[in-house]
Amino acid sequence: MHPLDMDHVGFARGIKGVVMGDSNPQTFVRYLASLHAQGKLPYDRFVKFYDFSDINQAIADSKSGEVIKPILRMGS
């Protein structure tokens, strides 16, 4: 049995996992695609691809703010 932390209970604090901003992917992905088509979401400016062998550089670029979303390519 786990002890109760009254700070969490008393202030209604909790932990919740969120995927895709807790949105509905069937509508949200279409919305993002339409924003990109209108030139309002230039994702190519915050996405950068790295070969898996460059994983350390991808991490460093992410930490420095050089890139917002590093994407690793695995395989050929």
PDB file of N, CA and C in Angstrom:
ATOM      1  N   MET A   1       0.838  -1.176   0.000  1.00  0.00           N
ATOM      2  CA  MET A   1       0.000   0.000   0.000  1.00  0.00           C
ATOM      3  C   MET A   1       0.886   1.243   0.000  1.00  0.00           C
ATOM      4  N   HIS A   2       0.510   2.258  -0.797  1.00  0.00           N
ATOM      5  CA  HIS A   2       1.280   3.494  -0.896  1.00  0.00           C
ATOM      6  C   HIS A   2       0.726   4.540   0.060  1.00  0.00           C
ATOM      7  N   PRO A   3       1.615   5.291   0.713  1.00  0.00           N
ATOM      8  CA  PRO A   3       1.130   6.343   1.615  1.00  0.00           C
ATOM      9  C   PRO A   3       0.519   7.492   0.820  1.00  0.00           C
ATOM     10  N   LEU A   4      -0.445   8.157   1.405  1.00  0.00           N
ATOM     11  CA  LEU A   4      -1.083   9.311   0.773  1.00  0.00           C
ATOM     12  C   LEU A   4      -0.283  10.563   1.069  1.00  0.00           C
ATOM     13  N   ASP A   5      -0.017  11.331   0.055  1.00  0.00           N
ATOM     14  CA  ASP A   5       0.640  12.622   0.234  1.00  0.00           C
ATOM     15  C   ASP A   5      -0.457  13.674   0.307  1.00  0.00           C
ATOM     16  N   MET A   6      -0.696  14.213   1.472  1.00  0.00           N
ATOM     17  CA  MET A   6      -1.810  15.141   1.680  1.00  0.00           C
ATOM     18  C   MET A   6      -1.644  16.443   0.899  1.00  0.00           C
ATOM     19  N   ASP A   7      -0.414  16.812   0.551  1.00  0.00           N
ATOM     20  CA  ASP A   7      -0.237  17.999  -0.286  1.00  0.00           C
ATOM     21  C   ASP A   7      -0.894  17.798  -1.652  1.00  0.00           C
ATOM     22  N   HIS A   8      -0.745  16.587  -2.216  1.00  0.00           N
ATOM     23  CA  HIS A   8      -1.360  16.309  -3.511  1.00  0.00           C
ATOM     24  C   HIS A   8      -2.871  16.187  -3.387  1.00  0.00           C
ATOM     25  N   VAL A   9      -3.334  15.535  -2.368  1.00  0.00           N
ATOM     26  CA  VAL A   9      -4.771  15.337  -2.180  1.00  0.00           C
ATOM     27  C   VAL A   9      -5.452  16.663  -1.861  1.00  0.00           C
ATOM     28  N   GLY A  10      -4.869  17.424  -0.953  1.00  0.00           N
ATOM     29  CA  GLY A  10      -5.475  18.677  -0.512  1.00  0.00           C
ATOM     30  C   GLY A  10      -5.568  19.733  -1.591  1.00  0.00           C
ATOM     31  N   PHE A  11      -4.630  19.745  -2.515  1.00  0.00           N
ATOM     32  CA  PHE A  11      -4.637  20.757  -3.566  1.00  0.00           C
ATOM     33  C   PHE A  11      -5.081  20.182  -4.911  1.00  0.00           C
ATOM     34  N   ALA A  12      -5.613  18.988  -4.909  1.00  0.00           N
ATOM     35  CA  ALA A  12      -6.117  18.321  -6.118  1.00  0.00           C
ATOM     36  C   ALA A  12      -5.058  18.252  -7.213  1.00  0.00           C
ATOM     37  N   ARG A  13      -3.825  18.040  -6.824  1.00  0.00           N
ATOM     38  CA  ARG A  13      -2.749  17.899  -7.799  1.00  0.00           C
ATOM     39  C   ARG A  13      -2.700  16.468  -8.299  1.00  0.00           C
ATOM     40  N   GLY A  14      -2.213  16.307  -9.510  1.00  0.00           N
ATOM     41  CA  GLY A  14      -2.089  14.970 -10.058  1.00  0.00           C
ATOM     42  C   GLY A  14      -1.125  14.953 -11.230  1.00  0.00           C
ATOM     43  N   ILE A  15      -0.906  13.793 -11.762  1.00  0.00           N
ATOM     44  CA  ILE A  15      -0.048  13.608 -12.921  1.00  0.00           C
ATOM     45  C   ILE A  15      -0.889  12.994 -14.018  1.00  0.00           C
ATOM     46  N   LYS A  16      -0.786  13.554 -15.206  1.00  0.00           N
ATOM     47  CA  LYS A  16      -1.566  13.060 -16.333  1.00  0.00           C
ATOM     48  C   LYS A  16      -0.665  13.000 -17.557  1.00  0.00           C
ATOM     49  N   GLY A  17      -0.681  11.882 -18.243  1.00  0.00           N
ATOM     50  CA  GLY A  17       0.041  11.777 -19.497  1.00  0.00           C
ATOM     51  C   GLY A  17      -0.791  12.377 -20.621  1.00  0.00           C
ATOM     52  N   VAL A  18      -0.123  13.080 -21.534  1.00  0.00           N
ATOM     53  CA  VAL A  18      -0.833  13.728 -22.630  1.00  0.00           C
ATOM     54  C   VAL A  18      -0.143  13.363 -23.936  1.00  0.00           C
ATOM     55  N   VAL A  19      -0.920  12.942 -24.905  1.00  0.00           N
ATOM     56  CA  VAL A  19      -0.413  12.610 -26.223  1.00  0.00           C
ATOM     57  C   VAL A  19      -1.040  13.571 -27.224  1.00  0.00           C
ATOM     58  N   MET A  20      -0.208  14.196 -28.044  1.00  0.00           N
ATOM     59  CA  MET A  20      -0.667  15.152 -29.060  1.00  0.00           C
ATOM     60  C   MET A  20      -1.507  16.264 -28.441  1.00  0.00           C
ATOM     61  N   GLY A  21      -1.120  16.746 -27.271  1.00  0.00           N
ATOM     62  CA  GLY A  21      -1.841  17.855 -26.663  1.00  0.00           C
ATOM     63  C   GLY A  21      -3.235  17.492 -26.220  1.00  0.00           C
ATOM     64  N   ASP A  22      -3.485  16.198 -26.019  1.00  0.00           N
ATOM     65  CA  ASP A  22      -4.798  15.719 -25.598  1.00  0.00           C
ATOM     66  C   ASP A  22      -5.865  16.071 -26.625  1.00  0.00           C
ATOM     67  N   SER A  23      -5.483  16.039 -27.902  1.00  0.00           N
ATOM     68  CA  SER A  23      -6.408  16.372 -28.985  1.00  0.00           C
ATOM     69  C   SER A  23      -6.917  15.100 -29.656  1.00  0.00           C
ATOM     70  N   ASN A  24      -7.867  15.277 -30.545  1.00  0.00           N
ATOM     71  CA  ASN A  24      -8.383  14.180 -31.353  1.00  0.00           C
ATOM     72  C   ASN A  24      -7.540  14.128 -32.627  1.00  0.00           C
ATOM     73  N   PRO A  25      -6.665  13.128 -32.783  1.00  0.00           N
ATOM     74  CA  PRO A  25      -5.769  13.093 -33.937  1.00  0.00           C
ATOM     75  C   PRO A  25      -6.490  13.124 -35.282  1.00  0.00           C
ATOM     76  N   GLN A  26      -7.689  12.554 -35.360  1.00  0.00           N
ATOM     77  CA  GLN A  26      -8.406  12.516 -36.636  1.00  0.00           C
ATOM     78  C   GLN A  26      -8.769  13.911 -37.126  1.00  0.00           C
ATOM     79  N   THR A  27      -9.018  14.841 -36.224  1.00  0.00           N
ATOM     80  CA  THR A  27      -9.325  16.210 -36.648  1.00  0.00           C
ATOM     81  C   THR A  27      -8.108  17.121 -36.530  1.00  0.00           C
ATOM     82  N   PHE A  28      -7.279  16.905 -35.524  1.00  0.00           N
ATOM     83  CA  PHE A  28      -6.155  17.804 -35.282  1.00  0.00           C
ATOM     84  C   PHE A  28      -5.104  17.715 -36.381  1.00  0.00           C
ATOM     85  N   VAL A  29      -4.798  16.515 -36.859  1.00  0.00           N
ATOM     86  CA  VAL A  29      -3.797  16.364 -37.915  1.00  0.00           C
ATOM     87  C   VAL A  29      -4.279  17.047 -39.194  1.00  0.00           C
ATOM     88  N   ARG A  30      -5.560  16.915 -39.508  1.00  0.00           N
ATOM     89  CA  ARG A  30      -6.116  17.623 -40.679  1.00  0.00           C
ATOM     90  C   ARG A  30      -5.997  19.137 -40.510  1.00  0.00           C
ATOM     91  N   TYR A  31      -6.272  19.601 -39.299  1.00  0.00           N
ATOM     92  CA  TYR A  31      -6.171  21.029 -39.010  1.00  0.00           C
ATOM     93  C   TYR A  31      -4.732  21.518 -39.199  1.00  0.00           C
ATOM     94  N   LEU A  32      -3.767  20.764 -38.678  1.00  0.00           N
ATOM     95  CA  LEU A  32      -2.366  21.139 -38.842  1.00  0.00           C
ATOM     96  C   LEU A  32      -1.965  21.144 -40.317  1.00  0.00           C
ATOM     97  N   ALA A  33      -2.433  20.161 -41.080  1.00  0.00           N
ATOM     98  CA  ALA A  33      -2.129  20.104 -42.515  1.00  0.00           C
ATOM     99  C   ALA A  33      -2.708  21.312 -43.237  1.00  0.00           C
ATOM    100  N   SER A  34      -3.913  21.729 -42.860  1.00  0.00           N
ATOM    101  CA  SER A  34      -4.511  22.904 -43.509  1.00  0.00           C
ATOM    102  C   SER A  34      -3.745  24.177 -43.151  1.00  0.00           C
ATOM    103  N   LEU A  35      -3.291  24.284 -41.905  1.00  0.00           N
ATOM    104  CA  LEU A  35      -2.471  25.445 -41.529  1.00  0.00           C
ATOM    105  C   LEU A  35      -1.181  25.480 -42.346  1.00  0.00           C
ATOM    106  N   HIS A  36      -0.561  24.320 -42.533  1.00  0.00           N
ATOM    107  CA  HIS A  36       0.671  24.262 -43.320  1.00  0.00           C
ATOM    108  C   HIS A  36       0.397  24.650 -44.773  1.00  0.00           C
ATOM    109  N   ALA A  37      -0.695  24.161 -45.328  1.00  0.00           N
ATOM    110  CA  ALA A  37      -1.043  24.479 -46.716  1.00  0.00           C
ATOM    111  C   ALA A  37      -1.279  25.978 -46.906  1.00  0.00           C
ATOM    112  N   GLN A  38      -1.756  26.650 -45.870  1.00  0.00           N
ATOM    113  CA  GLN A  38      -2.002  28.099 -45.925  1.00  0.00           C
ATOM    114  C   GLN A  38      -0.744  28.917 -45.620  1.00  0.00           C
ATOM    115  N   GLY A  39       0.347  28.224 -45.321  1.00  0.00           N
ATOM    116  CA  GLY A  39       1.585  28.912 -44.981  1.00  0.00           C
ATOM    117  C   GLY A  39       1.624  29.432 -43.557  1.00  0.00           C
ATOM    118  N   LYS A  40       0.712  28.964 -42.718  1.00  0.00           N
ATOM    119  CA  LYS A  40       0.634  29.439 -41.337  1.00  0.00           C
ATOM    120  C   LYS A  40       1.355  28.532 -40.345  1.00  0.00           C
ATOM    121  N   LEU A  41       1.849  27.401 -40.811  1.00  0.00           N
ATOM    122  CA  LEU A  41       2.576  26.476 -39.934  1.00  0.00           C
ATOM    123  C   LEU A  41       3.819  25.979 -40.677  1.00  0.00           C
ATOM    124  N   PRO A  42       4.889  26.754 -40.646  1.00  0.00           N
ATOM    125  CA  PRO A  42       6.102  26.375 -41.384  1.00  0.00           C
ATOM    126  C   PRO A  42       6.920  25.336 -40.627  1.00  0.00           C
ATOM    127  N   TYR A  43       6.385  24.117 -40.537  1.00  0.00           N
ATOM    128  CA  TYR A  43       7.043  23.093 -39.726  1.00  0.00           C
ATOM    129  C   TYR A  43       8.456  22.794 -40.206  1.00  0.00           C
ATOM    130  N   ASP A  44       8.734  23.064 -41.472  1.00  0.00           N
ATOM    131  CA  ASP A  44      10.078  22.815 -41.980  1.00  0.00           C
ATOM    132  C   ASP A  44      11.119  23.709 -41.300  1.00  0.00           C
ATOM    133  N   ARG A  45      10.679  24.774 -40.613  1.00  0.00           N
ATOM    134  CA  ARG A  45      11.609  25.648 -39.900  1.00  0.00           C
ATOM    135  C   ARG A  45      11.931  25.142 -38.499  1.00  0.00           C
ATOM    136  N   PHE A  46      11.144  24.213 -37.964  1.00  0.00           N
ATOM    137  CA  PHE A  46      11.461  23.706 -36.629  1.00  0.00           C
ATOM    138  C   PHE A  46      11.682  22.200 -36.569  1.00  0.00           C
ATOM    139  N   VAL A  47      11.701  21.552 -37.717  1.00  0.00           N
ATOM    140  CA  VAL A  47      11.971  20.117 -37.803  1.00  0.00           C
ATOM    141  C   VAL A  47      13.308  19.922 -38.517  1.00  0.00           C
ATOM    142  N   LYS A  48      14.124  19.032 -37.997  1.00  0.00           N
ATOM    143  CA  LYS A  48      15.384  18.707 -38.666  1.00  0.00           C
ATOM    144  C   LYS A  48      15.619  17.206 -38.554  1.00  0.00           C
ATOM    145  N   PHE A  49      16.041  16.603 -39.664  1.00  0.00           N
ATOM    146  CA  PHE A  49      16.289  15.165 -39.709  1.00  0.00           C
ATOM    147  C   PHE A  49      17.769  14.868 -39.467  1.00  0.00           C
ATOM    148  N   TYR A  50      18.013  13.796 -38.722  1.00  0.00           N
ATOM    149  CA  TYR A  50      19.369  13.348 -38.412  1.00  0.00           C
ATOM    150  C   TYR A  50      19.453  11.854 -38.664  1.00  0.00           C
ATOM    151  N   ASP A  51      20.609  11.407 -39.190  1.00  0.00           N
ATOM    152  CA  ASP A  51      20.867   9.971 -39.234  1.00  0.00           C
ATOM    153  C   ASP A  51      21.026   9.496 -37.797  1.00  0.00           C
ATOM    154  N   PHE A  52      20.665   8.249 -37.543  1.00  0.00           N
ATOM    155  CA  PHE A  52      20.740   7.743 -36.178  1.00  0.00           C
ATOM    156  C   PHE A  52      22.152   7.849 -35.605  1.00  0.00           C
ATOM    157  N   SER A  53      23.142   7.729 -36.464  1.00  0.00           N
ATOM    158  CA  SER A  53      24.530   7.835 -35.984  1.00  0.00           C
ATOM    159  C   SER A  53      24.848   9.234 -35.451  1.00  0.00           C
ATOM    160  N   ASP A  54      24.016  10.220 -35.775  1.00  0.00           N
ATOM    161  CA  ASP A  54      24.205  11.597 -35.304  1.00  0.00           C
ATOM    162  C   ASP A  54      23.305  11.932 -34.118  1.00  0.00           C
ATOM    163  N   ILE A  55      22.919  10.916 -33.356  1.00  0.00           N
ATOM    164  CA  ILE A  55      21.993  11.113 -32.241  1.00  0.00           C
ATOM    165  C   ILE A  55      22.520  12.135 -31.226  1.00  0.00           C
ATOM    166  N   ASN A  56      23.822  12.111 -30.958  1.00  0.00           N
ATOM    167  CA  ASN A  56      24.374  13.064 -29.988  1.00  0.00           C
ATOM    168  C   ASN A  56      24.253  14.502 -30.486  1.00  0.00           C
ATOM    169  N   GLN A  57      24.438  14.708 -31.780  1.00  0.00           N
ATOM    170  CA  GLN A  57      24.279  16.051 -32.348  1.00  0.00           C
ATOM    171  C   GLN A  57      22.815  16.482 -32.288  1.00  0.00           C
ATOM    172  N   ALA A  58      21.903  15.554 -32.536  1.00  0.00           N
ATOM    173  CA  ALA A  58      20.470  15.864 -32.454  1.00  0.00           C
ATOM    174  C   ALA A  58      20.097  16.310 -31.040  1.00  0.00           C
ATOM    175  N   ILE A  59      20.619  15.613 -30.049  1.00  0.00           N
ATOM    176  CA  ILE A  59      20.348  15.978 -28.653  1.00  0.00           C
ATOM    177  C   ILE A  59      20.942  17.347 -28.340  1.00  0.00           C
ATOM    178  N   ALA A  60      22.179  17.570 -28.764  1.00  0.00           N
ATOM    179  CA  ALA A  60      22.835  18.857 -28.502  1.00  0.00           C
ATOM    180  C   ALA A  60      22.080  20.004 -29.169  1.00  0.00           C
ATOM    181  N   ASP A  61      21.645  19.812 -30.421  1.00  0.00           N
ATOM    182  CA  ASP A  61      20.901  20.855 -31.129  1.00  0.00           C
ATOM    183  C   ASP A  61      19.569  21.141 -30.456  1.00  0.00           C
ATOM    184  N   SER A  62      18.930  20.097 -29.950  1.00  0.00           N
ATOM    185  CA  SER A  62      17.663  20.278 -29.244  1.00  0.00           C
ATOM    186  C   SER A  62      17.869  21.067 -27.954  1.00  0.00           C
ATOM    187  N   LYS A  63      18.900  20.714 -27.202  1.00  0.00           N
ATOM    188  CA  LYS A  63      19.180  21.409 -25.937  1.00  0.00           C
ATOM    189  C   LYS A  63      19.561  22.869 -26.148  1.00  0.00           C
ATOM    190  N   SER A  64      20.278  23.151 -27.245  1.00  0.00           N
ATOM    191  CA  SER A  64      20.736  24.521 -27.501  1.00  0.00           C
ATOM    192  C   SER A  64      19.645  25.395 -28.121  1.00  0.00           C
ATOM    193  N   GLY A  65      18.570  24.763 -28.598  1.00  0.00           N
ATOM    194  CA  GLY A  65      17.513  25.522 -29.259  1.00  0.00           C
ATOM    195  C   GLY A  65      17.723  25.663 -30.754  1.00  0.00           C
ATOM    196  N   GLU A  66      18.774  25.037 -31.270  1.00  0.00           N
ATOM    197  CA  GLU A  66      19.053  25.066 -32.706  1.00  0.00           C
ATOM    198  C   GLU A  66      17.886  24.471 -33.495  1.00  0.00           C
ATOM    199  N   VAL A  67      17.259  23.459 -32.922  1.00  0.00           N
ATOM    200  CA  VAL A  67      16.123  22.802 -33.563  1.00  0.00           C
ATOM    201  C   VAL A  67      15.082  22.509 -32.487  1.00  0.00           C
ATOM    202  N   ILE A  68      13.817  22.603 -32.856  1.00  0.00           N
ATOM    203  CA  ILE A  68      12.742  22.331 -31.904  1.00  0.00           C
ATOM    204  C   ILE A  68      12.385  20.852 -31.895  1.00  0.00           C
ATOM    205  N   LYS A  69      12.336  20.245 -33.083  1.00  0.00           N
ATOM    206  CA  LYS A  69      11.920  18.844 -33.183  1.00  0.00           C
ATOM    207  C   LYS A  69      12.948  18.056 -33.982  1.00  0.00           C
ATOM    208  N   PRO A  70      13.952  17.477 -33.311  1.00  0.00           N
ATOM    209  CA  PRO A  70      14.888  16.626 -34.036  1.00  0.00           C
ATOM    210  C   PRO A  70      14.243  15.271 -34.334  1.00  0.00           C
ATOM    211  N   ILE A  71      14.416  14.798 -35.551  1.00  0.00           N
ATOM    212  CA  ILE A  71      13.846  13.508 -35.959  1.00  0.00           C
ATOM    213  C   ILE A  71      14.987  12.603 -36.401  1.00  0.00           C
ATOM    214  N   LEU A  72      15.085  11.443 -35.765  1.00  0.00           N
ATOM    215  CA  LEU A  72      16.142  10.491 -36.098  1.00  0.00           C
ATOM    216  C   LEU A  72      15.671   9.527 -37.174  1.00  0.00           C
ATOM    217  N   ARG A  73      16.515   9.320 -38.178  1.00  0.00           N
ATOM    218  CA  ARG A  73      16.238   8.331 -39.223  1.00  0.00           C
ATOM    219  C   ARG A  73      16.984   7.060 -38.866  1.00  0.00           C
ATOM    220  N   MET A  74      16.250   5.965 -38.836  1.00  0.00           N
ATOM    221  CA  MET A  74      16.853   4.672 -38.519  1.00  0.00           C
ATOM    222  C   MET A  74      16.867   3.825 -39.780  1.00  0.00           C
ATOM    223  N   GLY A  75      17.984   3.228 -40.072  1.00  0.00           N
ATOM    224  CA  GLY A  75      18.094   2.413 -41.273  1.00  0.00           C
ATOM    225  C   GLY A  75      18.411   3.279 -42.471  1.00  0.00           C
ATOM    226  N   SER A  76      18.284   2.682 -43.662  1.00  0.00           N
ATOM    227  CA  SER A  76      18.641   3.437 -44.864  1.00  0.00           C
ATOM    228  C   SER A  76      17.462   4.027 -45.561  1.00  0.00           C
TER     229      SER A  76
END
